[in-house]
């Protein structure tokens, strides 16, 4: 999932944080809801909670990439 960085003025960041806390969400979850509501107003709450921002826990552990195999030149 792509990651976006947004810079907000202090007063706006505090307002977002207070609204997120009152909704029982993280700041990111709250902002995702706002953006999703404007872009796709017909998305259900289930879709927003299970797909958008639905990752919970530690990131997956990825195995180290193997070196590319040597191939004969044409």
C-alpha atoms as a PDB file:
ATOM      1  CA  UNK A   1       0.000   0.000   0.000  1.00  0.00           C
ATOM      2  CA  UNK A   2       1.469   3.395  -0.920  1.00  0.00           C
ATOM      3  CA  UNK A   3       2.369   5.739   1.876  1.00  0.00           C
ATOM      4  CA  UNK A   4       1.674   9.468   1.699  1.00  0.00           C
ATOM      5  CA  UNK A   5       3.256  12.113   3.888  1.00  0.00           C
ATOM      6  CA  UNK A   6       1.178  15.191   4.600  1.00  0.00           C
ATOM      7  CA  UNK A   7       2.286  18.265   6.475  1.00  0.00           C
ATOM      8  CA  UNK A   8      -0.436  20.025   8.450  1.00  0.00           C
ATOM      9  CA  UNK A   9      -0.317  23.258  10.418  1.00  0.00           C
ATOM     10  CA  UNK A  10      -0.145  22.587  14.173  1.00  0.00           C
ATOM     11  CA  UNK A  11      -3.708  23.729  14.857  1.00  0.00           C
ATOM     12  CA  UNK A  12      -5.130  21.498  12.101  1.00  0.00           C
ATOM     13  CA  UNK A  13      -3.052  18.487  13.222  1.00  0.00           C
ATOM     14  CA  UNK A  14      -4.338  18.929  16.784  1.00  0.00           C
ATOM     15  CA  UNK A  15      -7.939  19.167  15.553  1.00  0.00           C
ATOM     16  CA  UNK A  16      -7.513  15.991  13.469  1.00  0.00           C
ATOM     17  CA  UNK A  17      -6.013  14.206  16.459  1.00  0.00           C
ATOM     18  CA  UNK A  18      -8.868  15.223  18.771  1.00  0.00           C
ATOM     19  CA  UNK A  19     -11.483  14.113  16.237  1.00  0.00           C
ATOM     20  CA  UNK A  20      -9.653  10.792  15.737  1.00  0.00           C
ATOM     21  CA  UNK A  21      -9.466  10.130  19.480  1.00  0.00           C
ATOM     22  CA  UNK A  22     -13.160  10.911  19.909  1.00  0.00           C
ATOM     23  CA  UNK A  23     -13.944   8.470  17.054  1.00  0.00           C
ATOM     24  CA  UNK A  24     -11.762   5.789  18.651  1.00  0.00           C
ATOM     25  CA  UNK A  25      -9.371   5.767  15.705  1.00  0.00           C
ATOM     26  CA  UNK A  26      -5.761   6.584  14.994  1.00  0.00           C
ATOM     27  CA  UNK A  27      -5.016   9.815  13.170  1.00  0.00           C
ATOM     28  CA  UNK A  28      -4.250   7.831  10.000  1.00  0.00           C
ATOM     29  CA  UNK A  29      -7.503   5.843  10.201  1.00  0.00           C
ATOM     30  CA  UNK A  30      -9.461   9.053  10.667  1.00  0.00           C
ATOM     31  CA  UNK A  31      -7.787  10.732   7.676  1.00  0.00           C
ATOM     32  CA  UNK A  32      -8.340   7.604   5.537  1.00  0.00           C
ATOM     33  CA  UNK A  33     -12.063   7.805   6.349  1.00  0.00           C
ATOM     34  CA  UNK A  34     -12.212  11.453   5.309  1.00  0.00           C
ATOM     35  CA  UNK A  35     -10.382  10.883   2.026  1.00  0.00           C
ATOM     36  CA  UNK A  36     -12.372   7.735   1.216  1.00  0.00           C
ATOM     37  CA  UNK A  37     -15.655   9.525   1.898  1.00  0.00           C
ATOM     38  CA  UNK A  38     -14.760  12.257  -0.591  1.00  0.00           C
ATOM     39  CA  UNK A  39     -13.377   9.997  -3.302  1.00  0.00           C
ATOM     40  CA  UNK A  40     -15.756   7.036  -2.952  1.00  0.00           C
ATOM     41  CA  UNK A  41     -18.806   8.118  -0.963  1.00  0.00           C
ATOM     42  CA  UNK A  42     -20.563   4.787  -1.607  1.00  0.00           C
ATOM     43  CA  UNK A  43     -17.915   2.619   0.100  1.00  0.00           C
ATOM     44  CA  UNK A  44     -19.357   0.779   3.087  1.00  0.00           C
ATOM     45  CA  UNK A  45     -17.937   1.024   6.590  1.00  0.00           C
ATOM     46  CA  UNK A  46     -16.948  -2.650   6.379  1.00  0.00           C
ATOM     47  CA  UNK A  47     -14.916  -2.032   3.230  1.00  0.00           C
ATOM     48  CA  UNK A  48     -13.192   0.931   4.838  1.00  0.00           C
ATOM     49  CA  UNK A  49     -12.272  -0.961   8.005  1.00  0.00           C
ATOM     50  CA  UNK A  50     -11.318  -4.296   6.445  1.00  0.00           C
ATOM     51  CA  UNK A  51      -9.516  -3.090   3.332  1.00  0.00           C
ATOM     52  CA  UNK A  52      -8.469   0.531   3.753  1.00  0.00           C
ATOM     53  CA  UNK A  53      -6.139   0.808   6.694  1.00  0.00           C
ATOM     54  CA  UNK A  54      -6.989  -2.764   7.647  1.00  0.00           C
ATOM     55  CA  UNK A  55      -3.435  -3.948   8.321  1.00  0.00           C
ATOM     56  CA  UNK A  56      -2.826  -4.687  11.981  1.00  0.00           C
ATOM     57  CA  UNK A  57       0.310  -5.832  13.720  1.00  0.00           C
ATOM     58  CA  UNK A  58       3.935  -6.005  12.682  1.00  0.00           C
ATOM     59  CA  UNK A  59       4.904  -5.868   9.027  1.00  0.00           C
ATOM     60  CA  UNK A  60       5.454  -9.240   7.353  1.00  0.00           C
ATOM     61  CA  UNK A  61       8.929 -10.748   7.417  1.00  0.00           C
ATOM     62  CA  UNK A  62      10.220 -11.147   3.904  1.00  0.00           C
ATOM     63  CA  UNK A  63      12.879 -13.727   3.058  1.00  0.00           C
ATOM     64  CA  UNK A  64      16.145 -12.433   1.665  1.00  0.00           C
ATOM     65  CA  UNK A  65      16.183 -12.347  -2.092  1.00  0.00           C
ATOM     66  CA  UNK A  66      18.230 -15.053  -3.746  1.00  0.00           C
ATOM     67  CA  UNK A  67      20.928 -13.997  -6.163  1.00  0.00           C
ATOM     68  CA  UNK A  68      19.807 -14.176  -9.777  1.00  0.00           C
ATOM     69  CA  UNK A  69      20.793 -17.414 -11.449  1.00  0.00           C
ATOM     70  CA  UNK A  70      23.599 -17.370 -13.968  1.00  0.00           C
ATOM     71  CA  UNK A  71      22.352 -17.959 -17.506  1.00  0.00           C
ATOM     72  CA  UNK A  72      24.145 -18.625 -20.713  1.00  0.00           C
ATOM     73  CA  UNK A  73      24.367 -15.657 -23.038  1.00  0.00           C
ATOM     74  CA  UNK A  74      22.673 -16.022 -26.412  1.00  0.00           C
END
